Amino acid sequence: MKSLDLKPHYIVADIGSGTGLIAENIFESFGLGNPVWCVDPSKEMQDLARKRKGIYPVQKTAEEFFLIRKSASVLTC
């Protein structure tokens, strides 16, 4: 995370986020104003991610996510 240069207004997506642990740390460490989009196809992982702070769960594969978001600027970690 030391090499990330995130600003509070950025929108961040964690592709393959699993339980959202890293996404939650990013949200808190950088004081993001928007939740981190946690993209993972696993319902079980998304259920755990939903319990974390600053998370917007997206239950899709990376391919599905980028098909719906291809026109937006998304920073992936």
N, C-alpha and C. Protein backbone atom coordinates (compact mmCIF):
# COMPACT_ATOMS: atom_id res chain seq x y z
N MET A 1 0.80 -1.18 0.00
CA MET A 1 0.00 0.00 0.00
C MET A 1 0.85 1.26 0.00
N LYS A 2 2.10 1.14 0.36
CA LYS A 2 2.96 2.32 0.42
C LYS A 2 3.12 2.98 -0.94
N SER A 3 3.04 2.21 -2.02
CA SER A 3 3.25 2.77 -3.35
C SER A 3 1.97 3.37 -3.94
N LEU A 4 0.84 3.21 -3.27
CA LEU A 4 -0.41 3.79 -3.77
C LEU A 4 -0.44 5.28 -3.47
N ASP A 5 -0.95 6.03 -4.40
CA ASP A 5 -1.11 7.47 -4.22
C ASP A 5 -2.60 7.78 -4.39
N LEU A 6 -3.38 7.43 -3.39
CA LEU A 6 -4.82 7.58 -3.46
C LEU A 6 -5.26 8.87 -2.78
N LYS A 7 -6.23 9.51 -3.37
CA LYS A 7 -6.83 10.72 -2.81
C LYS A 7 -8.23 10.37 -2.32
N PRO A 8 -8.74 11.07 -1.31
CA PRO A 8 -10.05 10.74 -0.73
C PRO A 8 -11.20 10.68 -1.73
N HIS A 9 -11.12 11.40 -2.84
CA HIS A 9 -12.22 11.41 -3.80
C HIS A 9 -12.13 10.30 -4.85
N TYR A 10 -11.06 9.52 -4.85
CA TYR A 10 -10.91 8.45 -5.84
C TYR A 10 -11.95 7.35 -5.63
N ILE A 11 -12.27 6.67 -6.71
CA ILE A 11 -13.10 5.47 -6.67
C ILE A 11 -12.15 4.30 -6.94
N VAL A 12 -12.11 3.34 -6.03
CA VAL A 12 -11.15 2.24 -6.10
C VAL A 12 -11.90 0.92 -6.19
N ALA A 13 -11.40 0.02 -7.03
CA ALA A 13 -11.95 -1.32 -7.13
C ALA A 13 -10.87 -2.33 -6.77
N ASP A 14 -11.22 -3.28 -5.94
CA ASP A 14 -10.33 -4.38 -5.57
C ASP A 14 -10.85 -5.62 -6.30
N ILE A 15 -10.16 -6.00 -7.35
CA ILE A 15 -10.57 -7.13 -8.19
C ILE A 15 -10.04 -8.42 -7.57
N GLY A 16 -10.94 -9.37 -7.31
CA GLY A 16 -10.55 -10.59 -6.61
C GLY A 16 -10.36 -10.29 -5.14
N SER A 17 -11.29 -9.54 -4.59
CA SER A 17 -11.17 -8.99 -3.24
C SER A 17 -11.28 -10.00 -2.11
N GLY A 18 -11.82 -11.16 -2.39
CA GLY A 18 -11.98 -12.15 -1.32
C GLY A 18 -12.86 -11.59 -0.21
N THR A 19 -12.37 -11.60 1.01
CA THR A 19 -13.16 -11.16 2.17
C THR A 19 -13.18 -9.65 2.35
N GLY A 20 -12.43 -8.92 1.55
CA GLY A 20 -12.43 -7.47 1.64
C GLY A 20 -11.46 -6.89 2.67
N LEU A 21 -10.60 -7.71 3.24
CA LEU A 21 -9.67 -7.24 4.26
C LEU A 21 -8.76 -6.13 3.74
N ILE A 22 -8.15 -6.33 2.57
CA ILE A 22 -7.25 -5.32 2.02
C ILE A 22 -8.04 -4.08 1.62
N ALA A 23 -9.21 -4.27 1.06
CA ALA A 23 -10.05 -3.12 0.67
C ALA A 23 -10.42 -2.27 1.88
N GLU A 24 -10.75 -2.92 2.98
CA GLU A 24 -11.08 -2.19 4.20
C GLU A 24 -9.87 -1.39 4.69
N ASN A 25 -8.68 -2.01 4.64
CA ASN A 25 -7.46 -1.31 5.04
C ASN A 25 -7.18 -0.11 4.15
N ILE A 26 -7.40 -0.26 2.85
CA ILE A 26 -7.20 0.85 1.92
C ILE A 26 -8.19 1.97 2.23
N PHE A 27 -9.46 1.61 2.42
CA PHE A 27 -10.49 2.60 2.72
C PHE A 27 -10.13 3.43 3.94
N GLU A 28 -9.70 2.75 5.00
CA GLU A 28 -9.38 3.44 6.24
C GLU A 28 -8.05 4.20 6.16
N SER A 29 -7.04 3.59 5.56
CA SER A 29 -5.71 4.20 5.51
C SER A 29 -5.68 5.50 4.71
N PHE A 30 -6.48 5.56 3.64
CA PHE A 30 -6.46 6.72 2.77
C PHE A 30 -7.65 7.66 3.01
N GLY A 31 -8.49 7.33 3.96
CA GLY A 31 -9.63 8.19 4.27
C GLY A 31 -10.53 8.40 3.08
N LEU A 32 -10.78 7.33 2.33
CA LEU A 32 -11.58 7.45 1.12
C LEU A 32 -13.01 7.88 1.45
N GLY A 33 -13.55 8.73 0.61
CA GLY A 33 -14.93 9.18 0.77
C GLY A 33 -15.93 8.25 0.12
N ASN A 34 -15.44 7.41 -0.78
CA ASN A 34 -16.28 6.43 -1.48
C ASN A 34 -15.89 5.03 -1.02
N PRO A 35 -16.85 4.11 -0.96
CA PRO A 35 -16.48 2.74 -0.60
C PRO A 35 -15.62 2.10 -1.70
N VAL A 36 -14.82 1.14 -1.30
CA VAL A 36 -14.01 0.37 -2.25
C VAL A 36 -14.91 -0.70 -2.86
N TRP A 37 -14.94 -0.76 -4.17
CA TRP A 37 -15.73 -1.78 -4.86
C TRP A 37 -14.98 -3.10 -4.75
N CYS A 38 -15.57 -4.06 -4.07
CA CYS A 38 -14.97 -5.38 -3.89
C CYS A 38 -15.59 -6.35 -4.88
N VAL A 39 -14.82 -6.71 -5.89
CA VAL A 39 -15.30 -7.57 -6.96
C VAL A 39 -14.79 -8.99 -6.73
N ASP A 40 -15.72 -9.91 -6.53
CA ASP A 40 -15.37 -11.31 -6.33
C ASP A 40 -16.60 -12.14 -6.68
N PRO A 41 -16.41 -13.27 -7.39
CA PRO A 41 -17.57 -14.07 -7.79
C PRO A 41 -18.12 -14.97 -6.68
N SER A 42 -17.39 -15.11 -5.58
CA SER A 42 -17.78 -16.04 -4.53
C SER A 42 -18.80 -15.42 -3.57
N LYS A 43 -19.95 -16.04 -3.45
CA LYS A 43 -20.98 -15.57 -2.52
C LYS A 43 -20.46 -15.61 -1.09
N GLU A 44 -19.73 -16.65 -0.74
CA GLU A 44 -19.21 -16.77 0.61
C GLU A 44 -18.24 -15.63 0.94
N MET A 45 -17.37 -15.29 0.01
CA MET A 45 -16.42 -14.19 0.23
C MET A 45 -17.17 -12.86 0.31
N GLN A 46 -18.16 -12.67 -0.53
CA GLN A 46 -18.94 -11.43 -0.52
C GLN A 46 -19.72 -11.29 0.80
N ASP A 47 -20.22 -12.39 1.33
CA ASP A 47 -20.93 -12.34 2.61
C ASP A 47 -20.00 -11.83 3.72
N LEU A 48 -18.75 -12.26 3.70
CA LEU A 48 -17.78 -11.78 4.69
C LEU A 48 -17.39 -10.33 4.43
N ALA A 49 -17.24 -9.97 3.17
CA ALA A 49 -16.85 -8.59 2.82
C ALA A 49 -17.92 -7.59 3.24
N ARG A 50 -19.18 -7.98 3.15
CA ARG A 50 -20.29 -7.07 3.51
C ARG A 50 -20.21 -6.60 4.96
N LYS A 51 -19.54 -7.36 5.80
CA LYS A 51 -19.43 -7.03 7.22
C LYS A 51 -18.33 -5.99 7.49
N ARG A 52 -17.55 -5.67 6.48
CA ARG A 52 -16.43 -4.75 6.66
C ARG A 52 -16.84 -3.30 6.38
N LYS A 53 -16.05 -2.40 6.91
CA LYS A 53 -16.30 -0.97 6.75
C LYS A 53 -15.77 -0.48 5.39
N GLY A 54 -16.56 0.38 4.73
CA GLY A 54 -16.11 1.02 3.50
C GLY A 54 -16.08 0.11 2.29
N ILE A 55 -16.99 -0.85 2.25
CA ILE A 55 -17.01 -1.84 1.17
C ILE A 55 -18.31 -1.73 0.37
N TYR A 56 -18.18 -1.80 -0.96
CA TYR A 56 -19.32 -1.94 -1.85
C TYR A 56 -19.14 -3.27 -2.58
N PRO A 57 -19.83 -4.33 -2.14
CA PRO A 57 -19.61 -5.65 -2.72
C PRO A 57 -20.22 -5.78 -4.11
N VAL A 58 -19.47 -6.39 -5.01
CA VAL A 58 -19.92 -6.65 -6.38
C VAL A 58 -19.65 -8.12 -6.66
N GLN A 59 -20.71 -8.93 -6.70
CA GLN A 59 -20.54 -10.36 -6.91
C GLN A 59 -20.53 -10.68 -8.41
N LYS A 60 -19.35 -10.53 -9.00
CA LYS A 60 -19.14 -10.78 -10.42
C LYS A 60 -17.70 -11.25 -10.61
N THR A 61 -17.46 -11.87 -11.76
CA THR A 61 -16.08 -12.18 -12.12
C THR A 61 -15.44 -10.88 -12.61
N ALA A 62 -14.13 -10.87 -12.70
CA ALA A 62 -13.43 -9.68 -13.20
C ALA A 62 -13.88 -9.37 -14.62
N GLU A 63 -14.07 -10.39 -15.44
CA GLU A 63 -14.50 -10.18 -16.82
C GLU A 63 -15.87 -9.52 -16.88
N GLU A 64 -16.79 -10.00 -16.05
CA GLU A 64 -18.14 -9.41 -16.01
C GLU A 64 -18.07 -7.96 -15.53
N PHE A 65 -17.27 -7.71 -14.52
CA PHE A 65 -17.15 -6.36 -13.98
C PHE A 65 -16.64 -5.38 -15.02
N PHE A 66 -15.60 -5.76 -15.74
CA PHE A 66 -15.03 -4.84 -16.71
C PHE A 66 -15.92 -4.66 -17.93
N LEU A 67 -16.78 -5.60 -18.22
CA LEU A 67 -17.75 -5.40 -19.30
C LEU A 67 -18.74 -4.30 -18.94
N ILE A 68 -19.17 -4.25 -17.68
CA ILE A 68 -20.14 -3.22 -17.29
C ILE A 68 -19.47 -1.90 -16.94
N ARG A 69 -18.17 -1.90 -16.65
CA ARG A 69 -17.46 -0.69 -16.23
C ARG A 69 -16.47 -0.19 -17.28
N LYS A 70 -16.48 -0.76 -18.49
CA LYS A 70 -15.42 -0.44 -19.44
C LYS A 70 -15.35 1.03 -19.84
N SER A 71 -16.44 1.76 -19.68
CA SER A 71 -16.40 3.17 -20.06
C SER A 71 -15.99 4.09 -18.90
N ALA A 72 -15.81 3.52 -17.70
CA ALA A 72 -15.45 4.34 -16.53
C ALA A 72 -13.97 4.16 -16.21
N SER A 73 -13.38 5.14 -15.57
CA SER A 73 -12.00 5.03 -15.11
C SER A 73 -12.00 4.34 -13.76
N VAL A 74 -11.32 3.21 -13.67
CA VAL A 74 -11.28 2.44 -12.43
C VAL A 74 -9.83 2.13 -12.12
N LEU A 75 -9.40 2.42 -10.88
CA LEU A 75 -8.07 2.07 -10.41
C LEU A 75 -8.16 0.72 -9.74
N THR A 76 -7.37 -0.24 -10.19
CA THR A 76 -7.38 -1.56 -9.59
C THR A 76 -6.14 -1.77 -8.75
N CYS A 77 -6.29 -2.49 -7.68
CA CYS A 77 -5.18 -2.77 -6.76
C CYS A 77 -4.90 -4.25 -6.74
